[in-house]
Amino acid sequence: MKKNIAVVGSGVLRSLMFESYPDKKHLQVKKFFTGDEKQSGIDGNQFPDLEIVHDIRAIIEDEAIDTVLVCQRQLKFAGQIMSAGKMVRIV
C-alpha cells in the first residue's frame, strides 16, 4: 500500500524533493502546495493525480496525508503541519 504524502516547496527544489526521498516507490504524492497561483512548476504528465493547492490548510486538514516534505524555504509551515499530527521531512 502506498503512503499519501504532500509537498510544500518552491523553486528548483521541487524536483529535488521527489528525488531525495529514499522510498518513493511506496509513496503517492497527493498534494503540492505553492504560494504562487500563477505557476506551480510541476509537470502534470509526471504526476497526473497531483492536486496543486495554494492554501496550506488544504494539506493540514487532509486526514489522508500523514507525511509532508517541506523545503527549507517553506519552514514557516512546518510547525502548523506537525501540530496537525503529520510527520515532516525537511528537504
Protein backbone atom coordinates (compact mmCIF):
# COMPACT_ATOMS: atom_id res chain seq x y z
CA MET A 1 0.00 0.00 0.00
CA LYS A 2 1.27 3.47 -0.85
CA LYS A 3 1.61 6.23 1.73
CA ASN A 4 -0.07 9.54 0.88
CA ILE A 5 2.28 12.49 1.11
CA ALA A 6 2.22 16.18 0.29
CA VAL A 7 4.97 18.55 -0.77
CA VAL A 8 5.45 22.13 0.40
CA GLY A 9 8.12 23.68 -1.75
CA SER A 10 9.20 26.25 -4.24
CA GLY A 11 11.71 26.93 -6.99
CA VAL A 12 14.24 24.39 -8.17
CA LEU A 13 13.85 22.32 -5.00
CA ARG A 14 10.59 20.81 -6.27
CA SER A 15 12.24 18.15 -8.39
CA LEU A 16 14.95 17.50 -5.79
CA MET A 17 12.35 16.68 -3.16
CA PHE A 18 10.97 13.78 -5.14
CA GLU A 19 14.46 12.51 -5.98
CA SER A 20 15.72 12.80 -2.40
CA TYR A 21 13.01 10.76 -0.70
CA PRO A 22 14.54 7.30 -0.18
CA ASP A 23 11.45 5.10 -0.58
CA LYS A 24 9.45 7.00 -3.18
CA LYS A 25 8.11 3.92 -4.97
CA HIS A 26 5.84 3.39 -1.95
CA LEU A 27 4.59 6.97 -1.97
CA GLN A 28 1.61 8.65 -3.56
CA VAL A 29 2.20 12.38 -3.89
CA LYS A 30 -1.32 13.64 -3.28
CA LYS A 31 -0.95 17.41 -2.92
CA PHE A 32 1.58 20.08 -3.73
CA PHE A 33 1.49 23.50 -2.08
CA THR A 34 2.73 26.56 -3.88
CA GLY A 35 2.14 30.11 -2.77
CA ASP A 36 2.26 31.26 -6.38
CA GLU A 37 -1.13 30.72 -8.01
CA LYS A 38 0.24 31.58 -11.46
CA GLN A 39 2.84 28.84 -11.74
CA SER A 40 3.46 25.60 -9.92
CA GLY A 41 6.43 24.35 -11.95
CA ILE A 42 5.12 20.79 -11.75
CA ASP A 43 4.76 18.64 -14.85
CA GLY A 44 1.18 17.36 -14.90
CA ASN A 45 2.24 14.38 -17.03
CA GLN A 46 4.71 13.22 -14.40
CA PHE A 47 2.17 13.50 -11.56
CA PRO A 48 -1.28 13.21 -13.20
CA ASP A 49 -3.19 12.72 -9.93
CA LEU A 50 -1.43 15.54 -8.11
CA GLU A 51 -3.61 18.31 -6.70
CA ILE A 52 -1.91 21.70 -6.65
CA VAL A 53 -3.09 23.80 -3.72
CA HIS A 54 -2.46 27.44 -2.81
CA ASP A 55 -3.72 27.31 0.77
CA ILE A 56 -1.61 25.33 3.27
CA ARG A 57 -4.80 24.34 5.12
CA ALA A 58 -5.65 22.01 2.23
CA ILE A 59 -2.70 19.86 3.32
CA ILE A 60 -3.03 20.39 7.06
CA GLU A 61 -6.71 19.41 7.09
CA ASP A 62 -6.36 16.40 4.76
CA GLU A 63 -6.55 13.36 7.04
CA ALA A 64 -5.32 11.05 4.28
CA ILE A 65 -1.91 12.77 4.27
CA ASP A 66 0.43 11.69 7.04
CA THR A 67 3.83 12.83 5.73
CA VAL A 68 4.79 16.21 4.28
CA LEU A 69 8.06 17.04 2.54
CA VAL A 70 8.93 20.67 3.27
CA CYS A 71 11.68 22.60 1.52
CA GLN A 72 13.85 24.86 3.63
CA ARG A 73 12.34 27.98 2.09
CA GLN A 74 8.93 27.00 3.47
CA LEU A 75 9.94 26.09 7.03
CA LYS A 76 7.43 28.61 8.36
CA PHE A 77 4.72 25.98 7.74
CA ALA A 78 6.48 23.07 9.48
CA GLY A 79 5.09 23.85 12.96
CA GLN A 80 1.50 24.02 11.74
CA ILE A 81 1.90 20.77 9.84
CA MET A 82 3.41 18.95 12.84
CA SER A 83 0.71 20.34 15.14
CA ALA A 84 -1.81 18.64 12.87
CA GLY A 85 -0.13 15.29 13.68
CA LYS A 86 1.71 14.88 10.40
CA MET A 87 5.31 13.80 10.00
CA VAL A 88 7.52 16.48 8.43
CA ARG A 89 10.66 15.79 6.45
CA ILE A 90 12.74 18.84 5.60
CA VAL A 91 14.48 18.55 2.26
